[in-house]
N, C-alpha and C. Protein backbone atom coordinates (compact mmCIF):
# COMPACT_ATOMS: atom_id res chain seq x y z
N MET A 1 8.29 14.45 -7.98
CA MET A 1 7.60 13.92 -6.06
C MET A 1 8.45 13.74 -5.55
N ASP A 2 7.86 14.91 -4.12
CA ASP A 2 8.99 14.67 -3.11
C ASP A 2 8.87 12.96 -2.29
N PRO A 3 10.39 12.75 -2.01
CA PRO A 3 10.76 11.42 -1.45
C PRO A 3 9.82 11.65 -0.39
N GLY A 4 9.66 12.89 0.38
CA GLY A 4 8.63 12.66 1.79
C GLY A 4 7.56 11.96 1.44
N LEU A 5 7.07 12.73 1.10
CA LEU A 5 5.48 12.60 0.41
C LEU A 5 5.25 10.93 0.44
N ILE A 6 6.30 10.73 -0.72
CA ILE A 6 6.23 9.06 -1.14
C ILE A 6 6.32 8.29 0.20
N ALA A 7 7.10 8.55 0.83
CA ALA A 7 7.79 7.75 2.02
C ALA A 7 6.42 8.10 3.33
N SER A 8 6.09 8.92 3.17
CA SER A 8 4.45 9.16 4.43
C SER A 8 3.38 8.39 3.87
N HIS A 9 3.14 8.03 2.75
CA HIS A 9 2.26 7.65 2.19
C HIS A 9 2.18 5.99 2.05
N PHE A 10 3.63 5.56 1.91
CA PHE A 10 4.16 4.39 2.12
C PHE A 10 3.91 3.63 3.66
N SER A 11 4.32 4.52 4.35
CA SER A 11 4.07 4.46 5.66
C SER A 11 2.47 4.41 6.21
N ASP A 12 1.52 5.37 5.81
CA ASP A 12 0.52 5.07 5.78
C ASP A 12 -0.22 3.48 5.25
N ILE A 13 0.28 3.52 3.96
CA ILE A 13 -0.19 1.81 3.52
C ILE A 13 0.52 0.85 4.26
N SER A 14 1.61 1.21 4.93
CA SER A 14 1.90 -0.44 5.66
C SER A 14 1.15 -0.65 7.08
N TRP A 15 0.68 0.93 7.41
CA TRP A 15 -0.12 0.83 8.97
C TRP A 15 -1.59 0.02 8.28
N ILE A 16 -1.87 -0.08 7.41
CA ILE A 16 -3.41 -0.61 6.95
C ILE A 16 -3.30 -1.66 6.59
N LEU A 17 -2.36 -2.42 6.04
CA LEU A 17 -2.01 -3.47 5.78
C LEU A 17 -1.63 -4.59 7.08
N PHE A 18 -0.92 -3.49 8.26
CA PHE A 18 -0.55 -4.11 9.00
C PHE A 18 -2.11 -4.40 10.01
N ALA A 19 -3.05 -3.36 9.96
CA ALA A 19 -4.21 -3.27 10.42
C ALA A 19 -4.96 -4.68 10.01
N LEU A 20 -4.67 -4.83 9.04
CA LEU A 20 -5.46 -5.66 8.11
C LEU A 20 -5.22 -7.03 8.43
N VAL A 21 -3.82 -7.61 8.37
CA VAL A 21 -2.91 -8.48 9.04
C VAL A 21 -3.73 -9.41 10.20
N PHE A 22 -3.59 -8.02 11.19
CA PHE A 22 -4.30 -8.49 12.93
C PHE A 22 -5.32 -8.67 12.53
N GLY A 23 -6.45 -8.15 11.71
CA GLY A 23 -7.95 -8.17 11.31
C GLY A 23 -8.00 -9.62 10.97
N VAL A 24 -6.96 -10.17 10.17
CA VAL A 24 -7.21 -11.71 9.46
C VAL A 24 -6.73 -12.30 10.42
N LEU A 25 -5.82 -12.10 11.64
CA LEU A 25 -5.59 -13.03 12.27
C LEU A 25 -6.43 -13.52 13.59
N VAL A 26 -7.34 -12.71 13.88
CA VAL A 26 -8.05 -12.65 15.10
C VAL A 26 -9.05 -13.72 14.43
N THR A 27 -9.93 -13.40 12.96
CA THR A 27 -10.62 -14.37 12.60
C THR A 27 -10.21 -15.76 12.87
N PHE A 28 -9.42 -16.02 12.85
CA PHE A 28 -8.64 -17.64 12.73
C PHE A 28 -9.21 -17.70 14.10
N ILE A 29 -9.57 -17.48 15.24
CA ILE A 29 -9.42 -17.75 16.76
C ILE A 29 -10.84 -16.96 16.83
N SER A 30 -11.43 -16.96 16.31
CA SER A 30 -13.21 -16.73 16.19
C SER A 30 -13.71 -15.14 16.40
N LEU A 31 -12.87 -14.59 16.54
CA LEU A 31 -13.14 -13.48 17.20
C LEU A 31 -13.39 -11.92 15.50
N PRO A 32 -14.22 -10.82 16.07
CA PRO A 32 -14.20 -10.18 14.70
C PRO A 32 -13.03 -9.52 14.42
N PRO A 33 -12.98 -9.07 12.88
CA PRO A 33 -11.85 -8.42 12.52
C PRO A 33 -11.57 -7.11 13.44
N MET A 34 -12.78 -6.36 13.83
CA MET A 34 -12.32 -5.29 14.70
C MET A 34 -11.89 -5.20 15.60
N ILE A 35 -11.47 -6.29 16.40
CA ILE A 35 -10.98 -6.42 17.18
C ILE A 35 -9.31 -6.54 16.87
N GLY A 36 -9.05 -7.12 16.04
CA GLY A 36 -7.53 -7.23 15.33
C GLY A 36 -7.09 -5.54 14.93
N TYR A 37 -8.19 -4.97 14.25
CA TYR A 37 -7.60 -3.45 14.15
C TYR A 37 -7.43 -2.67 15.29
N LEU A 38 -8.22 -3.13 16.52
CA LEU A 38 -8.05 -2.36 17.27
C LEU A 38 -6.58 -2.63 17.51
N VAL A 39 -6.39 -4.07 18.11
CA VAL A 39 -5.02 -4.36 18.72
C VAL A 39 -3.78 -3.90 17.93
N ALA A 40 -4.22 -3.86 16.34
CA ALA A 40 -3.05 -3.18 15.95
C ALA A 40 -2.97 -1.69 16.14
N GLY A 41 -4.08 -0.79 16.20
CA GLY A 41 -3.95 0.33 16.34
C GLY A 41 -3.07 0.59 17.89
N PHE A 42 -3.28 -0.56 18.94
CA PHE A 42 -2.83 -0.20 20.39
C PHE A 42 -1.23 -0.71 20.21
N VAL A 43 -1.02 -1.37 19.21
CA VAL A 43 0.52 -1.97 19.27
C VAL A 43 1.20 -0.57 18.60
N LEU A 44 0.68 -0.48 17.32
CA LEU A 44 1.36 0.90 16.83
C LEU A 44 1.15 1.84 17.39
N SER A 45 0.65 2.39 18.38
CA SER A 45 0.37 3.53 19.23
C SER A 45 1.55 3.33 20.54
N ALA A 46 1.77 2.15 21.17
CA ALA A 46 2.68 1.63 22.07
C ALA A 46 4.13 1.68 21.35
N LEU A 47 4.62 1.54 20.16
CA LEU A 47 5.73 2.01 19.65
C LEU A 47 5.87 2.84 19.11
N GLY A 48 5.23 4.29 19.77
CA GLY A 48 5.43 5.52 19.21
C GLY A 48 5.18 5.94 17.68
N MET A 49 4.66 4.92 16.97
CA MET A 49 4.19 5.48 15.68
C MET A 49 3.06 6.28 15.46
N HIS A 50 3.11 7.48 14.50
CA HIS A 50 1.96 8.38 14.17
C HIS A 50 1.45 8.76 13.23
N SER A 51 0.57 8.48 12.78
CA SER A 51 -0.07 8.67 11.00
C SER A 51 -0.10 10.19 10.82
N GLY A 52 0.14 10.12 9.50
CA GLY A 52 -0.04 11.19 8.87
C GLY A 52 -1.42 12.02 8.94
N ASP A 53 -1.40 13.36 8.40
CA ASP A 53 -2.77 13.49 8.20
C ASP A 53 -3.52 13.07 7.27
N ALA A 54 -3.44 12.16 6.34
CA ALA A 54 -4.15 11.72 5.37
C ALA A 54 -4.85 10.11 6.00
N LEU A 55 -4.15 9.57 6.90
CA LEU A 55 -4.48 8.40 7.71
C LEU A 55 -5.30 8.97 8.88
N GLY A 56 -4.88 10.18 9.43
CA GLY A 56 -5.63 10.45 10.49
C GLY A 56 -7.23 10.72 9.94
N ALA A 57 -7.12 11.49 8.74
CA ALA A 57 -8.35 11.88 7.77
C ALA A 57 -9.42 10.26 7.58
N VAL A 58 -8.74 9.28 7.17
CA VAL A 58 -9.47 8.08 6.95
C VAL A 58 -10.02 7.58 8.38
N ALA A 59 -8.78 8.08 9.24
CA ALA A 59 -9.32 7.23 10.67
C ALA A 59 -10.68 7.88 11.04
N ASP A 60 -10.75 8.74 11.08
CA ASP A 60 -12.10 9.97 11.49
C ASP A 60 -13.13 9.12 10.65
N ILE A 61 -13.21 9.35 9.36
CA ILE A 61 -14.21 9.03 8.39
C ILE A 61 -14.63 7.88 9.10
N GLY A 62 -13.81 6.74 9.04
CA GLY A 62 -13.56 5.55 9.90
C GLY A 62 -14.80 5.28 11.35
N VAL A 63 -14.54 6.30 11.96
CA VAL A 63 -15.20 6.25 13.13
C VAL A 63 -16.25 6.49 12.65
N THR A 64 -16.61 7.63 12.44
CA THR A 64 -17.89 8.29 11.91
C THR A 64 -18.78 7.17 11.01
N LEU A 65 -18.15 6.28 10.68
CA LEU A 65 -19.32 4.94 9.66
C LEU A 65 -19.57 4.37 10.68
N LEU A 66 -18.44 3.84 11.87
CA LEU A 66 -18.62 2.67 12.69
C LEU A 66 -19.79 3.44 13.78
N LEU A 67 -19.99 4.60 13.96
CA LEU A 67 -21.01 5.46 15.05
C LEU A 67 -22.00 5.50 14.42
N PHE A 68 -22.48 5.59 12.87
CA PHE A 68 -23.73 5.47 12.03
C PHE A 68 -24.46 4.04 12.57
N THR A 69 -23.32 3.09 11.90
CA THR A 69 -23.70 1.64 12.10
C THR A 69 -24.21 1.15 13.15
N ILE A 70 -23.64 1.75 14.29
CA ILE A 70 -23.85 1.31 15.57
C ILE A 70 -25.47 2.06 15.84
N GLY A 71 -25.31 3.21 15.18
CA GLY A 71 -26.79 3.92 15.52
C GLY A 71 -27.94 3.24 14.93
N LEU A 72 -27.90 3.01 13.71
CA LEU A 72 -28.78 2.08 12.85
C LEU A 72 -29.24 0.90 13.90
N LYS A 73 -28.12 0.00 14.31
CA LYS A 73 -28.19 -1.11 14.91
C LYS A 73 -29.33 -1.16 16.32
N LEU A 74 -28.99 0.35 16.99
CA LEU A 74 -29.43 0.50 18.08
C LEU A 74 -31.11 0.30 18.00
N ASN A 75 -31.80 -0.06 18.93
CA ASN A 75 -33.28 -0.40 19.29
C ASN A 75 -33.71 0.48 20.55
N ILE A 76 -34.58 1.70 20.18
CA ILE A 76 -35.02 2.60 20.87
C ILE A 76 -35.52 1.65 22.37
N LYS A 77 -36.30 0.80 22.22
CA LYS A 77 -37.16 0.21 23.04
C LYS A 77 -36.67 -0.34 24.19
N ASP A 78 -35.13 -1.11 23.17
CA ASP A 78 -34.07 -1.43 24.63
C ASP A 78 -33.64 -0.68 25.50
N LEU A 79 -33.57 0.29 24.72
CA LEU A 79 -32.77 1.80 25.88
C LEU A 79 -33.74 1.98 27.03
N ALA A 80 -35.15 1.71 26.63
CA ALA A 80 -36.10 2.30 27.30
C ALA A 80 -36.48 1.79 28.87
N ARG A 81 -35.98 -0.09 28.64
CA ARG A 81 -36.09 -0.71 29.85
C ARG A 81 -34.97 -0.50 30.41
């Protein structure tokens, strides 16, 4: 197996774990885990970290599922007001 590929997968996994840790930490201050995930993404981006193709695909799926969930909870009557 290619060492570069292994390193790429390791960095993707470490970024996911980093976001998971931030998600858990913000629950201690009574905030939803999504806030921690967003903060982790901002921190990693500010540090100049770039995700691989695999993590980018997972991120796209996550955004799609988030928008779908928001759409399910959206009430048309509230929008009409």
